[in-house]
Amino acid sequence: MTKAANRYGVGKEIQAVKICHDFSQMIPVLFYDKETPEKYIKPAYFKKDMLVIEVESPAWAQEIIMRKPQIIDEMNKKAGRQIIKSLRTQLR
């Protein structure tokens, strides 16, 4: 599928969707010490090595920033290569 996606020019879009989906699946694992974090944290988009995460409040943004190295590391492990180099948060 990757060759076909690249041939039709949608490889990067498919990759971005997969990264956002993977992050959604990892939220409960990454934030195991918080109650229902998936209600407050959602991936917004992935573009140019940066994952943008929507958060419900500044407190959740701070939580993301504190765990930034762990999140990047876990997501890159899941991808099998260094695909995410930075994170950014934005309020919903």
Protein backbone atom coordinates (compact mmCIF):
# COMPACT_ATOMS: atom_id res chain seq x y z
CA MET A 1 0.00 0.00 0.00
CA THR A 2 2.85 2.41 0.71
CA LYS A 3 4.16 2.33 -2.85
CA ALA A 4 0.67 2.83 -4.25
CA ALA A 5 -0.04 5.65 -1.78
CA ASN A 6 3.19 7.40 -2.74
CA ARG A 7 2.50 6.88 -6.42
CA TYR A 8 -0.86 8.63 -6.04
CA GLY A 9 0.62 11.36 -3.86
CA VAL A 10 -1.19 10.52 -0.63
CA GLY A 11 1.62 8.77 1.27
CA LYS A 12 2.23 11.66 3.68
CA GLU A 13 -1.47 12.03 4.43
CA ILE A 14 -1.81 8.33 5.20
CA GLN A 15 1.27 8.50 7.41
CA ALA A 16 -0.19 11.50 9.30
CA VAL A 17 -3.49 9.69 9.88
CA LYS A 18 -1.64 6.61 11.15
CA ILE A 19 0.46 8.66 13.57
CA CYS A 20 -2.62 10.42 14.93
CA HIS A 21 -4.39 7.08 15.29
CA ASP A 22 -1.39 5.55 17.07
CA PHE A 23 -1.26 8.49 19.47
CA SER A 24 -4.98 8.12 20.22
CA GLN A 25 -4.41 4.45 21.04
CA MET A 26 -1.43 5.28 23.28
CA ILE A 27 -3.10 8.01 25.35
CA PRO A 28 -4.34 5.62 28.08
CA VAL A 29 -0.88 4.00 28.23
CA LEU A 30 1.05 7.27 28.34
CA PHE A 31 -1.28 8.83 30.90
CA TYR A 32 -2.06 5.72 32.96
CA ASP A 33 -2.00 7.77 36.17
CA LYS A 34 -4.85 10.06 35.03
CA GLU A 35 -8.55 9.24 34.86
CA THR A 36 -9.92 9.12 31.27
CA PRO A 37 -7.22 11.28 29.66
CA GLU A 38 -8.64 10.57 26.18
CA LYS A 39 -11.50 12.95 27.04
CA TYR A 40 -9.04 15.83 27.40
CA ILE A 41 -6.25 15.00 24.94
CA LYS A 42 -6.65 14.37 21.20
CA PRO A 43 -4.24 14.45 18.28
CA ALA A 44 -4.94 17.40 16.00
CA TYR A 45 -2.55 16.70 13.13
CA PHE A 46 0.95 15.59 12.16
CA LYS A 47 3.00 17.68 9.76
CA LYS A 48 6.73 18.11 9.06
CA ASP A 49 7.98 15.96 11.97
CA MET A 50 5.67 17.67 14.48
CA LEU A 51 2.67 16.17 16.25
CA VAL A 52 0.12 18.77 17.34
CA ILE A 53 -2.06 17.74 20.27
CA GLU A 54 -5.35 19.40 21.21
CA VAL A 55 -5.93 19.77 24.93
CA GLU A 56 -8.91 20.80 26.99
CA SER A 57 -7.06 23.17 29.35
CA PRO A 58 -3.69 24.76 30.10
CA ALA A 59 -3.21 22.16 32.83
CA TRP A 60 -3.36 19.38 30.24
CA ALA A 61 -1.00 21.34 27.98
CA GLN A 62 1.48 21.48 30.86
CA GLU A 63 1.06 17.72 31.38
CA ILE A 64 1.93 17.12 27.72
CA ILE A 65 4.97 19.39 27.92
CA MET A 66 6.25 17.62 31.04
CA ARG A 67 5.93 14.25 29.29
CA LYS A 68 7.15 15.44 25.90
CA PRO A 69 10.36 13.35 25.76
CA GLN A 70 8.48 10.21 26.81
CA ILE A 71 5.69 10.80 24.27
CA ILE A 72 8.14 11.39 21.42
CA ASP A 73 10.17 8.33 22.39
CA GLU A 74 7.15 6.03 22.65
CA MET A 75 5.66 7.25 19.38
CA ASN A 76 8.97 6.80 17.55
CA LYS A 77 9.31 3.28 18.98
CA LYS A 78 5.82 2.51 17.72
CA ALA A 79 6.71 3.84 14.26
CA GLY A 80 10.01 1.96 14.21
CA ARG A 81 12.01 5.06 13.36
CA GLN A 82 12.45 8.68 14.38
CA ILE A 83 9.43 10.22 12.74
CA ILE A 84 8.34 12.72 15.42
CA LYS A 85 10.88 15.34 16.41
CA SER A 86 8.66 17.81 18.25
CA LEU A 87 5.29 18.25 19.90
CA ARG A 88 3.04 21.24 20.21
CA THR A 89 -0.19 21.72 22.10
CA GLN A 90 -3.19 23.83 21.25
CA LEU A 91 -6.30 24.57 23.23
CA ARG A 92 -9.61 23.35 21.85
